[in-house]
C-alpha cells in the first residue's frame, strides 16, 4: 500500500480531506417563551381544541399501563423460595411431620 505524503494531500480535492460542503453553521437557538410545549395561552372564555392524536395516545398509554399493572399484580409467584417451601412441606408431609414452627422454651 502506498503512503500519501503531505505534498500530495494538497492536491486532493477538498471533499477527500474531510471538509464538509453544504453545512451553513448551527441553526439558531429556539428562545424560551415560557409557554408549555410552545402553546400560546388562550384568551379568557376560549376552550383548548385537542389535536387528532391526543385521545388515541391517552387511551393507549393509560390502557397499557392498566394492563401491565393488572398483569404484574396477578402474575404467578415463581420465586425459588416459594418452590422450596412447598417442596419442604410436601416432603415433611410424606414423612408424617407437621409443618409448624414452635420455638423452644
PDB file of N, CA and C in Angstrom:
ATOM      1  N   UNK A   1       0.843  -1.166   0.000  1.00  0.00           N
ATOM      2  CA  UNK A   1       0.000   0.000   0.000  1.00  0.00           C
ATOM      3  C   UNK A   1       0.891   1.233   0.000  1.00  0.00           C
ATOM      4  N   UNK A   2       0.539   2.175  -0.797  1.00  0.00           N
ATOM      5  CA  UNK A   2       1.360   3.362  -0.958  1.00  0.00           C
ATOM      6  C   UNK A   2       0.925   4.446   0.036  1.00  0.00           C
ATOM      7  N   UNK A   3       1.867   5.064   0.673  1.00  0.00           N
ATOM      8  CA  UNK A   3       1.592   6.121   1.639  1.00  0.00           C
ATOM      9  C   UNK A   3       1.507   7.459   0.909  1.00  0.00           C
ATOM     10  N   UNK A   4       0.587   8.308   1.346  1.00  0.00           N
ATOM     11  CA  UNK A   4       0.481   9.646   0.771  1.00  0.00           C
ATOM     12  C   UNK A   4       1.331  10.610   1.582  1.00  0.00           C
ATOM     13  N   UNK A   5       2.042  11.444   0.890  1.00  0.00           N
ATOM     14  CA  UNK A   5       2.855  12.446   1.560  1.00  0.00           C
ATOM     15  C   UNK A   5       2.054  13.727   1.729  1.00  0.00           C
ATOM     16  N   UNK A   6       2.501  14.604   2.591  1.00  0.00           N
ATOM     17  CA  UNK A   6       1.778  15.842   2.844  1.00  0.00           C
ATOM     18  C   UNK A   6       1.662  16.695   1.586  1.00  0.00           C
ATOM     19  N   UNK A   7       2.638  16.593   0.701  1.00  0.00           N
ATOM     20  CA  UNK A   7       2.562  17.379  -0.535  1.00  0.00           C
ATOM     21  C   UNK A   7       1.445  16.859  -1.439  1.00  0.00           C
ATOM     22  N   UNK A   8       1.203  15.546  -1.410  1.00  0.00           N
ATOM     23  CA  UNK A   8       0.137  15.005  -2.245  1.00  0.00           C
ATOM     24  C   UNK A   8      -1.239  15.277  -1.636  1.00  0.00           C
ATOM     25  N   UNK A   9      -1.317  15.524  -0.326  1.00  0.00           N
ATOM     26  CA  UNK A   9      -2.593  15.855   0.297  1.00  0.00           C
ATOM     27  C   UNK A   9      -3.116  17.186  -0.205  1.00  0.00           C
ATOM     28  N   UNK A  10      -2.207  18.086  -0.542  1.00  0.00           N
ATOM     29  CA  UNK A  10      -2.640  19.388  -1.025  1.00  0.00           C
ATOM     30  C   UNK A  10      -3.302  19.281  -2.389  1.00  0.00           C
ATOM     31  N   UNK A  11      -2.988  18.250  -3.120  1.00  0.00           N
ATOM     32  CA  UNK A  11      -3.565  18.108  -4.452  1.00  0.00           C
ATOM     33  C   UNK A  11      -4.886  17.340  -4.448  1.00  0.00           C
ATOM     34  N   UNK A  12      -5.241  16.717  -3.321  1.00  0.00           N
ATOM     35  CA  UNK A  12      -6.512  16.000  -3.243  1.00  0.00           C
ATOM     36  C   UNK A  12      -7.665  16.994  -3.240  1.00  0.00           C
ATOM     37  N   UNK A  13      -8.786  16.611  -3.758  1.00  0.00           N
ATOM     38  CA  UNK A  13      -9.945  17.502  -3.676  1.00  0.00           C
ATOM     39  C   UNK A  13     -10.322  17.772  -2.221  1.00  0.00           C
ATOM     40  N   UNK A  14     -10.988  18.889  -1.993  1.00  0.00           N
ATOM     41  CA  UNK A  14     -11.330  19.275  -0.627  1.00  0.00           C
ATOM     42  C   UNK A  14     -12.240  18.262   0.064  1.00  0.00           C
ATOM     43  N   UNK A  15     -13.169  17.656  -0.683  1.00  0.00           N
ATOM     44  CA  UNK A  15     -14.096  16.718  -0.048  1.00  0.00           C
ATOM     45  C   UNK A  15     -13.368  15.482   0.453  1.00  0.00           C
ATOM     46  N   UNK A  16     -12.213  15.153  -0.098  1.00  0.00           N
ATOM     47  CA  UNK A  16     -11.458  13.992   0.353  1.00  0.00           C
ATOM     48  C   UNK A  16     -10.659  14.319   1.605  1.00  0.00           C
ATOM     49  N   UNK A  17     -10.475  15.603   1.916  1.00  0.00           N
ATOM     50  CA  UNK A  17      -9.713  15.994   3.092  1.00  0.00           C
ATOM     51  C   UNK A  17     -10.589  16.146   4.325  1.00  0.00           C
ATOM     52  N   UNK A  18     -11.885  15.893   4.209  1.00  0.00           N
ATOM     53  CA  UNK A  18     -12.740  15.945   5.380  1.00  0.00           C
ATOM     54  C   UNK A  18     -13.519  17.231   5.524  1.00  0.00           C
ATOM     55  N   UNK A  19     -13.384  18.152   4.595  1.00  0.00           N
ATOM     56  CA  UNK A  19     -14.177  19.369   4.680  1.00  0.00           C
ATOM     57  C   UNK A  19     -15.604  19.071   4.263  1.00  0.00           C
ATOM     58  N   UNK A  20     -16.542  19.728   4.859  1.00  0.00           N
ATOM     59  CA  UNK A  20     -17.942  19.479   4.551  1.00  0.00           C
ATOM     60  C   UNK A  20     -18.516  20.636   3.766  1.00  0.00           C
ATOM     61  N   UNK A  21     -19.224  20.300   2.716  1.00  0.00           N
ATOM     62  CA  UNK A  21     -19.918  21.314   1.946  1.00  0.00           C
ATOM     63  C   UNK A  21     -21.393  21.263   2.306  1.00  0.00           C
ATOM     64  N   UNK A  22     -22.059  22.353   2.191  1.00  0.00           N
ATOM     65  CA  UNK A  22     -23.494  22.385   2.441  1.00  0.00           C
ATOM     66  C   UNK A  22     -23.853  22.622   3.886  1.00  0.00           C
ATOM     67  N   UNK A  23     -22.881  22.664   4.782  1.00  0.00           N
ATOM     68  CA  UNK A  23     -23.207  22.967   6.166  1.00  0.00           C
ATOM     69  C   UNK A  23     -23.073  24.472   6.355  1.00  0.00           C
ATOM     70  N   UNK A  24     -24.130  25.071   6.798  1.00  0.00           N
ATOM     71  CA  UNK A  24     -24.155  26.528   6.918  1.00  0.00           C
ATOM     72  C   UNK A  24     -24.131  26.962   8.362  1.00  0.00           C
ATOM     73  N   UNK A  25     -23.535  26.199   9.210  1.00  0.00           N
ATOM     74  CA  UNK A  25     -23.460  26.547  10.613  1.00  0.00           C
ATOM     75  C   UNK A  25     -24.627  25.957  11.387  1.00  0.00           C
ATOM     76  N   UNK A  26     -24.622  26.196  12.654  1.00  0.00           N
ATOM     77  CA  UNK A  26     -25.666  25.654  13.525  1.00  0.00           C
ATOM     78  C   UNK A  26     -26.963  26.428  13.333  1.00  0.00           C
ATOM     79  N   UNK A  27     -28.105  25.773  13.525  1.00  0.00           N
ATOM     80  CA  UNK A  27     -29.371  26.504  13.429  1.00  0.00           C
ATOM     81  C   UNK A  27     -29.500  27.486  14.588  1.00  0.00           C
ATOM     82  N   UNK A  28     -30.258  28.528  14.419  1.00  0.00           N
ATOM     83  CA  UNK A  28     -30.401  29.478  15.523  1.00  0.00           C
ATOM     84  C   UNK A  28     -31.142  28.826  16.690  1.00  0.00           C
ATOM     85  N   UNK A  29     -30.784  29.173  17.901  1.00  0.00           N
ATOM     86  CA  UNK A  29     -31.428  28.540  19.055  1.00  0.00           C
ATOM     87  C   UNK A  29     -32.887  29.000  19.181  1.00  0.00           C
ATOM     88  N   UNK A  30     -33.716  28.115  19.711  1.00  0.00           N
ATOM     89  CA  UNK A  30     -35.107  28.470  19.992  1.00  0.00           C
ATOM     90  C   UNK A  30     -35.146  29.200  21.325  1.00  0.00           C
ATOM     91  N   UNK A  31     -35.537  30.421  21.281  1.00  0.00           N
ATOM     92  CA  UNK A  31     -35.608  31.196  22.509  1.00  0.00           C
ATOM     93  C   UNK A  31     -36.755  30.699  23.366  1.00  0.00           C
ATOM     94  N   UNK A  32     -36.556  30.566  24.677  1.00  0.00           N
ATOM     95  CA  UNK A  32     -37.643  30.112  25.537  1.00  0.00           C
ATOM     96  C   UNK A  32     -38.762  31.152  25.594  1.00  0.00           C
ATOM     97  N   UNK A  33     -39.993  30.655  25.480  1.00  0.00           N
ATOM     98  CA  UNK A  33     -41.139  31.560  25.510  1.00  0.00           C
ATOM     99  C   UNK A  33     -41.849  31.529  26.854  1.00  0.00           C
ATOM    100  N   UNK A  34     -41.590  30.502  27.672  1.00  0.00           N
ATOM    101  CA  UNK A  34     -42.281  30.366  28.942  1.00  0.00           C
ATOM    102  C   UNK A  34     -43.615  29.674  28.803  1.00  0.00           C
ATOM    103  N   UNK A  35     -43.991  29.258  27.586  1.00  0.00           N
ATOM    104  CA  UNK A  35     -45.261  28.569  27.374  1.00  0.00           C
ATOM    105  C   UNK A  35     -45.006  27.063  27.326  1.00  0.00           C
ATOM    106  N   UNK A  36     -45.892  26.303  27.951  1.00  0.00           N
ATOM    107  CA  UNK A  36     -45.764  24.855  27.979  1.00  0.00           C
ATOM    108  C   UNK A  36     -45.947  24.292  26.579  1.00  0.00           C
ATOM    109  N   UNK A  37     -44.993  23.519  26.103  1.00  0.00           N
ATOM    110  CA  UNK A  37     -44.984  22.895  24.778  1.00  0.00           C
ATOM    111  C   UNK A  37     -45.114  23.922  23.654  1.00  0.00           C
ATOM    112  N   UNK A  38     -44.778  25.161  23.907  1.00  0.00           N
ATOM    113  CA  UNK A  38     -44.808  26.183  22.870  1.00  0.00           C
ATOM    114  C   UNK A  38     -46.210  26.661  22.516  1.00  0.00           C
ATOM    115  N   UNK A  39     -47.218  26.242  23.295  1.00  0.00           N
ATOM    116  CA  UNK A  39     -48.588  26.686  23.015  1.00  0.00           C
ATOM    117  C   UNK A  39     -48.810  28.054  23.639  1.00  0.00           C
ATOM    118  N   UNK A  40     -49.438  28.900  22.897  1.00  0.00           N
ATOM    119  CA  UNK A  40     -49.739  30.220  23.425  1.00  0.00           C
ATOM    120  C   UNK A  40     -50.942  30.129  24.351  1.00  0.00           C
ATOM    121  N   UNK A  41     -50.971  30.943  25.416  1.00  0.00           N
ATOM    122  CA  UNK A  41     -52.120  30.910  26.325  1.00  0.00           C
ATOM    123  C   UNK A  41     -53.403  31.335  25.616  1.00  0.00           C
ATOM    124  N   UNK A  42     -54.498  30.689  26.008  1.00  0.00           N
ATOM    125  CA  UNK A  42     -55.792  31.006  25.394  1.00  0.00           C
ATOM    126  C   UNK A  42     -56.365  32.275  25.996  1.00  0.00           C
ATOM    127  N   UNK A  43     -57.169  32.937  25.210  1.00  0.00           N
ATOM    128  CA  UNK A  43     -57.861  34.122  25.705  1.00  0.00           C
ATOM    129  C   UNK A  43     -58.965  33.682  26.655  1.00  0.00           C
ATOM    130  N   UNK A  44     -59.359  34.519  27.570  1.00  0.00           N
ATOM    131  CA  UNK A  44     -60.420  34.150  28.507  1.00  0.00           C
ATOM    132  C   UNK A  44     -61.697  33.754  27.759  1.00  0.00           C
ATOM    133  N   UNK A  45     -62.286  32.626  28.156  1.00  0.00           N
ATOM    134  CA  UNK A  45     -63.514  32.155  27.536  1.00  0.00           C
ATOM    135  C   UNK A  45     -63.288  31.173  26.405  1.00  0.00           C
ATOM    136  N   UNK A  46     -62.042  31.038  25.929  1.00  0.00           N
ATOM    137  CA  UNK A  46     -61.758  30.085  24.862  1.00  0.00           C
ATOM    138  C   UNK A  46     -61.469  28.710  25.459  1.00  0.00           C
ATOM    139  N   UNK A  47     -61.777  27.665  24.699  1.00  0.00           N
ATOM    140  CA  UNK A  47     -61.527  26.305  25.131  1.00  0.00           C
ATOM    141  C   UNK A  47     -60.454  25.701  24.224  1.00  0.00           C
ATOM    142  N   UNK A  48     -59.555  24.943  24.827  1.00  0.00           N
ATOM    143  CA  UNK A  48     -58.476  24.326  24.052  1.00  0.00           C
ATOM    144  C   UNK A  48     -59.048  23.203  23.187  1.00  0.00           C
ATOM    145  N   UNK A  49     -58.636  23.170  21.927  1.00  0.00           N
ATOM    146  CA  UNK A  49     -59.072  22.122  20.998  1.00  0.00           C
ATOM    147  C   UNK A  49     -57.964  21.079  20.930  1.00  0.00           C
ATOM    148  N   UNK A  50     -58.337  19.826  21.198  1.00  0.00           N
ATOM    149  CA  UNK A  50     -57.345  18.751  21.160  1.00  0.00           C
ATOM    150  C   UNK A  50     -56.996  18.416  19.722  1.00  0.00           C
ATOM    151  N   UNK A  51     -55.746  17.963  19.533  1.00  0.00           N
ATOM    152  CA  UNK A  51     -55.333  17.505  18.220  1.00  0.00           C
ATOM    153  C   UNK A  51     -55.817  16.072  18.036  1.00  0.00           C
ATOM    154  N   UNK A  52     -55.798  15.586  16.779  1.00  0.00           N
ATOM    155  CA  UNK A  52     -56.395  14.300  16.448  1.00  0.00           C
ATOM    156  C   UNK A  52     -55.714  13.133  17.145  1.00  0.00           C
ATOM    157  N   UNK A  53     -54.450  13.259  17.502  1.00  0.00           N
ATOM    158  CA  UNK A  53     -53.708  12.133  18.048  1.00  0.00           C
ATOM    159  C   UNK A  53     -53.776  12.053  19.567  1.00  0.00           C
ATOM    160  N   UNK A  54     -54.299  13.070  20.227  1.00  0.00           N
ATOM    161  CA  UNK A  54     -54.228  13.109  21.687  1.00  0.00           C
ATOM    162  C   UNK A  54     -55.110  12.053  22.363  1.00  0.00           C
ATOM    163  N   UNK A  55     -56.348  11.876  21.912  1.00  0.00           N
ATOM    164  CA  UNK A  55     -57.214  10.870  22.530  1.00  0.00           C
ATOM    165  C   UNK A  55     -56.698   9.448  22.324  1.00  0.00           C
ATOM    166  N   UNK A  56     -56.328   9.032  21.105  1.00  0.00           N
ATOM    167  CA  UNK A  56     -55.774   7.673  20.965  1.00  0.00           C
ATOM    168  C   UNK A  56     -54.499   7.465  21.775  1.00  0.00           C
ATOM    169  N   UNK A  57     -53.682   8.496  21.868  1.00  0.00           N
ATOM    170  CA  UNK A  57     -52.453   8.365  22.648  1.00  0.00           C
ATOM    171  C   UNK A  57     -52.783   8.160  24.122  1.00  0.00           C
ATOM    172  N   UNK A  58     -53.698   8.959  24.655  1.00  0.00           N
ATOM    173  CA  UNK A  58     -54.065   8.819  26.065  1.00  0.00           C
ATOM    174  C   UNK A  58     -54.691   7.456  26.347  1.00  0.00           C
ATOM    175  N   UNK A  59     -55.581   7.004  25.467  1.00  0.00           N
ATOM    176  CA  UNK A  59     -56.210   5.695  25.668  1.00  0.00           C
ATOM    177  C   UNK A  59     -55.151   4.599  25.611  1.00  0.00           C
ATOM    178  N   UNK A  60     -54.255   4.671  24.654  1.00  0.00           N
ATOM    179  CA  UNK A  60     -53.206   3.656  24.539  1.00  0.00           C
ATOM    180  C   UNK A  60     -52.236   3.687  25.703  1.00  0.00           C
ATOM    181  N   UNK A  61     -51.846   4.865  26.128  1.00  0.00           N
ATOM    182  CA  UNK A  61     -50.880   4.990  27.217  1.00  0.00           C
ATOM    183  C   UNK A  61     -51.457   4.493  28.528  1.00  0.00           C
ATOM    184  N   UNK A  62     -52.604   5.031  28.916  1.00  0.00           N
ATOM    185  CA  UNK A  62     -53.191   4.644  30.202  1.00  0.00           C
ATOM    186  C   UNK A  62     -53.744   3.228  30.157  1.00  0.00           C
ATOM    187  N   UNK A  63     -54.249   2.793  29.009  1.00  0.00           N
ATOM    188  CA  UNK A  63     -54.731   1.420  28.878  1.00  0.00           C
ATOM    189  C   UNK A  63     -53.609   0.406  29.032  1.00  0.00           C
ATOM    190  N   UNK A  64     -52.478   0.687  28.407  1.00  0.00           N
ATOM    191  CA  UNK A  64     -51.354  -0.243  28.537  1.00  0.00           C
ATOM    192  C   UNK A  64     -50.789  -0.236  29.950  1.00  0.00           C
ATOM    193  N   UNK A  65     -50.789   0.920  30.609  1.00  0.00           N
ATOM    194  CA  UNK A  65     -50.319   0.962  31.996  1.00  0.00           C
ATOM    195  C   UNK A  65     -51.251   0.164  32.908  1.00  0.00           C
ATOM    196  N   UNK A  66     -52.550   0.265  32.673  1.00  0.00           N
ATOM    197  CA  UNK A  66     -53.511  -0.510  33.459  1.00  0.00           C
ATOM    198  C   UNK A  66     -53.331  -2.006  33.196  1.00  0.00           C
ATOM    199  N   UNK A  67     -53.141  -2.385  31.936  1.00  0.00           N
ATOM    200  CA  UNK A  67     -52.942  -3.789  31.568  1.00  0.00           C
ATOM    201  C   UNK A  67     -51.693  -4.357  32.242  1.00  0.00           C
ATOM    202  N   UNK A  68     -50.599  -3.630  32.215  1.00  0.00           N
ATOM    203  CA  UNK A  68     -49.356  -4.098  32.832  1.00  0.00           C
ATOM    204  C   UNK A  68     -49.498  -4.170  34.349  1.00  0.00           C
ATOM    205  N   UNK A  69     -50.170  -3.185  34.948  1.00  0.00           N
ATOM    206  CA  UNK A  69     -50.361  -3.193  36.396  1.00  0.00           C
ATOM    207  C   UNK A  69     -51.159  -4.415  36.827  1.00  0.00           C
ATOM    208  N   UNK A  70     -52.251  -4.702  36.144  1.00  0.00           N
ATOM    209  CA  UNK A  70     -53.064  -5.866  36.485  1.00  0.00           C
ATOM    210  C   UNK A  70     -52.274  -7.147  36.234  1.00  0.00           C
ATOM    211  N   UNK A  71     -51.547  -7.192  35.130  1.00  0.00           N
ATOM    212  CA  UNK A  71     -50.736  -8.376  34.839  1.00  0.00           C
ATOM    213  C   UNK A  71     -49.675  -8.630  35.887  1.00  0.00           C
ATOM    214  N   UNK A  72     -49.012  -7.587  36.366  1.00  0.00           N
ATOM    215  CA  UNK A  72     -47.989  -7.767  37.390  1.00  0.00           C
ATOM    216  C   UNK A  72     -48.603  -8.130  38.738  1.00  0.00           C
ATOM    217  N   UNK A  73     -49.789  -7.634  39.012  1.00  0.00           N
ATOM    218  CA  UNK A  73     -50.444  -7.956  40.281  1.00  0.00           C
ATOM    219  C   UNK A  73     -50.817  -9.440  40.329  1.00  0.00           C
ATOM    220  N   UNK A  74     -51.300  -9.991  39.225  1.00  0.00           N
ATOM    221  CA  UNK A  74     -51.775 -11.369  39.200  1.00  0.00           C
ATOM    222  C   UNK A  74     -50.757 -12.357  38.621  1.00  0.00           C
ATOM    223  N   UNK A  75     -49.520 -11.943  38.438  1.00  0.00           N
ATOM    224  CA  UNK A  75     -48.545 -12.875  37.876  1.00  0.00           C
ATOM    225  C   UNK A  75     -48.244 -13.975  38.885  1.00  0.00           C
ATOM    226  N   UNK A  76     -47.951 -15.180  38.399  1.00  0.00           N
ATOM    227  CA  UNK A  76     -47.684 -16.277  39.327  1.00  0.00           C
ATOM    228  C   UNK A  76     -46.361 -16.069  40.056  1.00  0.00           C
ATOM    229  N   UNK A  77     -46.325 -16.580  41.279  1.00  0.00           N
ATOM    230  CA  UNK A  77     -45.115 -16.474  42.085  1.00  0.00           C
ATOM    231  C   UNK A  77     -44.182 -17.605  41.678  1.00  0.00           C
ATOM    232  N   UNK A  78     -43.088 -17.281  41.044  1.00  0.00           N
ATOM    233  CA  UNK A  78     -42.150 -18.292  40.560  1.00  0.00           C
ATOM    234  C   UNK A  78     -40.803 -18.185  41.266  1.00  0.00           C
ATOM    235  N   UNK A  79     -40.786 -17.631  42.473  1.00  0.00           N
ATOM    236  CA  UNK A  79     -39.517 -17.477  43.170  1.00  0.00           C
ATOM    237  C   UNK A  79     -39.043 -18.833  43.696  1.00  0.00           C
ATOM    238  N   UNK A  80     -37.762 -18.955  43.890  1.00  0.00           N
ATOM    239  CA  UNK A  80     -37.174 -20.202  44.371  1.00  0.00           C
ATOM    240  C   UNK A  80     -37.582 -20.468  45.817  1.00  0.00           C
ATOM    241  N   UNK A  81     -37.787 -19.400  46.591  1.00  0.00           N
ATOM    242  CA  UNK A  81     -38.180 -19.574  47.988  1.00  0.00           C
ATOM    243  C   UNK A  81     -39.568 -20.201  48.096  1.00  0.00           C
ATOM    244  N   UNK A  82     -40.490 -19.765  47.262  1.00  0.00           N
ATOM    245  CA  UNK A  82     -41.842 -20.325  47.287  1.00  0.00           C
ATOM    246  C   UNK A  82     -41.817 -21.794  46.889  1.00  0.00           C
ATOM    247  N   UNK A  83     -41.044 -22.120  45.869  1.00  0.00           N
ATOM    248  CA  UNK A  83     -40.945 -23.514  45.444  1.00  0.00           C
ATOM    249  C   UNK A  83     -40.317 -24.361  46.547  1.00  0.00           C
ATOM    250  N   UNK A  84     -39.244 -23.846  47.187  1.00  0.00           N
ATOM    251  CA  UNK A  84     -38.559 -24.604  48.229  1.00  0.00           C
ATOM    252  C   UNK A  84     -39.471 -24.831  49.434  1.00  0.00           C
ATOM    253  N   UNK A  85     -40.283 -23.845  49.794  1.00  0.00           N
ATOM    254  CA  UNK A  85     -41.198 -24.013  50.921  1.00  0.00           C
ATOM    255  C   UNK A  85     -42.241 -25.086  50.610  1.00  0.00           C
ATOM    256  N   UNK A  86     -42.806 -25.044  49.409  1.00  0.00           N
ATOM    257  CA  UNK A  86     -43.804 -26.057  49.031  1.00  0.00           C
ATOM    258  C   UNK A  86     -43.169 -27.440  48.969  1.00  0.00           C
ATOM    259  N   UNK A  87     -41.951 -27.538  48.476  1.00  0.00           N
ATOM    260  CA  UNK A  87     -41.253 -28.826  48.402  1.00  0.00           C
ATOM    261  C   UNK A  87     -40.949 -29.354  49.805  1.00  0.00           C
ATOM    262  N   UNK A  88     -40.518 -28.469  50.703  1.00  0.00           N
ATOM    263  CA  UNK A  88     -40.231 -28.891  52.077  1.00  0.00           C
ATOM    264  C   UNK A  88     -41.509 -29.355  52.772  1.00  0.00           C
ATOM    265  N   UNK A  89     -42.614 -28.640  52.563  1.00  0.00           N
ATOM    266  CA  UNK A  89     -43.881 -29.058  53.170  1.00  0.00           C
ATOM    267  C   UNK A  89     -44.319 -30.417  52.630  1.00  0.00           C
ATOM    268  N   UNK A  90     -44.139 -30.644  51.335  1.00  0.00           N
ATOM    269  CA  UNK A  90     -44.525 -31.922  50.746  1.00  0.00           C
ATOM    270  C   UNK A  90     -43.695 -33.065  51.320  1.00  0.00           C
ATOM    271  N   UNK A  91     -42.377 -32.852  51.430  1.00  0.00           N
ATOM    272  CA  UNK A  91     -41.505 -33.905  51.966  1.00  0.00           C
ATOM    273  C   UNK A  91     -41.792 -34.183  53.437  1.00  0.00           C
ATOM    274  N   UNK A  92     -42.076 -33.121  54.205  1.00  0.00           N
ATOM    275  CA  UNK A  92     -42.396 -33.317  55.619  1.00  0.00           C
ATOM    276  C   UNK A  92     -43.715 -34.055  55.773  1.00  0.00           C
ATOM    277  N   UNK A  93     -44.680 -33.764  54.898  1.00  0.00           N
ATOM    278  CA  UNK A  93     -45.971 -34.465  54.950  1.00  0.00           C
ATOM    279  C   UNK A  93     -45.793 -35.936  54.600  1.00  0.00           C
ATOM    280  N   UNK A  94     -44.900 -36.272  53.678  1.00  0.00           N
ATOM    281  CA  UNK A  94     -44.631 -37.666  53.335  1.00  0.00           C
ATOM    282  C   UNK A  94     -44.016 -38.420  54.506  1.00  0.00           C
ATOM    283  N   UNK A  95     -43.185 -37.736  55.304  1.00  0.00           N
ATOM    284  CA  UNK A  95     -42.556 -38.369  56.467  1.00  0.00           C
ATOM    285  C   UNK A  95     -43.478 -38.377  57.678  1.00  0.00           C
ATOM    286  N   UNK A  96     -44.586 -37.675  57.613  1.00  0.00           N
ATOM    287  CA  UNK A  96     -45.526 -37.620  58.729  1.00  0.00           C
ATOM    288  C   UNK A  96     -45.245 -36.499  59.709  1.00  0.00           C
ATOM    289  N   UNK A  97     -44.369 -35.597  59.362  1.00  0.00           N
ATOM    290  CA  UNK A  97     -44.063 -34.473  60.250  1.00  0.00           C
ATOM    291  C   UNK A  97     -45.064 -33.348  59.996  1.00  0.00           C
ATOM    292  N   UNK A  98     -45.261 -32.522  61.011  1.00  0.00           N
ATOM    293  CA  UNK A  98     -46.180 -31.397  60.899  1.00  0.00           C
ATOM    294  C   UNK A  98     -45.364 -30.137  60.632  1.00  0.00           C
ATOM    295  N   UNK A  99     -45.817 -29.357  59.662  1.00  0.00           N
ATOM    296  CA  UNK A  99     -45.123 -28.112  59.346  1.00  0.00           C
ATOM    297  C   UNK A  99     -45.711 -26.999  60.183  1.00  0.00           C
ATOM    298  N   UNK A 100     -45.063 -26.748  61.307  1.00  0.00           N
ATOM    299  CA  UNK A 100     -45.437 -25.609  62.135  1.00  0.00           C
ATOM    300  C   UNK A 100     -44.235 -25.266  62.983  1.00  0.00           C
ATOM    301  N   UNK A 101     -43.869 -24.026  62.979  1.00  0.00           N
ATOM    302  CA  UNK A 101     -42.715 -23.586  63.734  1.00  0.00           C
ATOM    303  C   UNK A 101     -43.140 -23.294  65.162  1.00  0.00           C
ATOM    304  N   UNK A 102     -42.477 -23.942  66.097  1.00  0.00           N
ATOM    305  CA  UNK A 102     -42.714 -23.678  67.514  1.00  0.00           C
ATOM    306  C   UNK A 102     -41.352 -23.466  68.174  1.00  0.00           C
ATOM    307  N   UNK A 103     -41.125 -22.292  68.702  1.00  0.00           N
ATOM    308  CA  UNK A 103     -39.821 -22.038  69.332  1.00  0.00           C
ATOM    309  C   UNK A 103     -39.648 -22.882  70.610  1.00  0.00           C
ATOM    310  N   UNK A 104     -38.409 -23.220  70.885  1.00  0.00           N
ATOM    311  CA  UNK A 104     -38.110 -23.973  72.109  1.00  0.00           C
ATOM    312  C   UNK A 104     -38.222 -23.064  73.318  1.00  0.00           C
ATOM    313  N   UNK A 105     -38.547 -23.691  74.442  1.00  0.00           N
ATOM    314  CA  UNK A 105     -38.648 -22.886  75.670  1.00  0.00           C
ATOM    315  C   UNK A 105     -37.687 -23.335  76.714  1.00  0.00           C
TER     316      UNK A 105
END
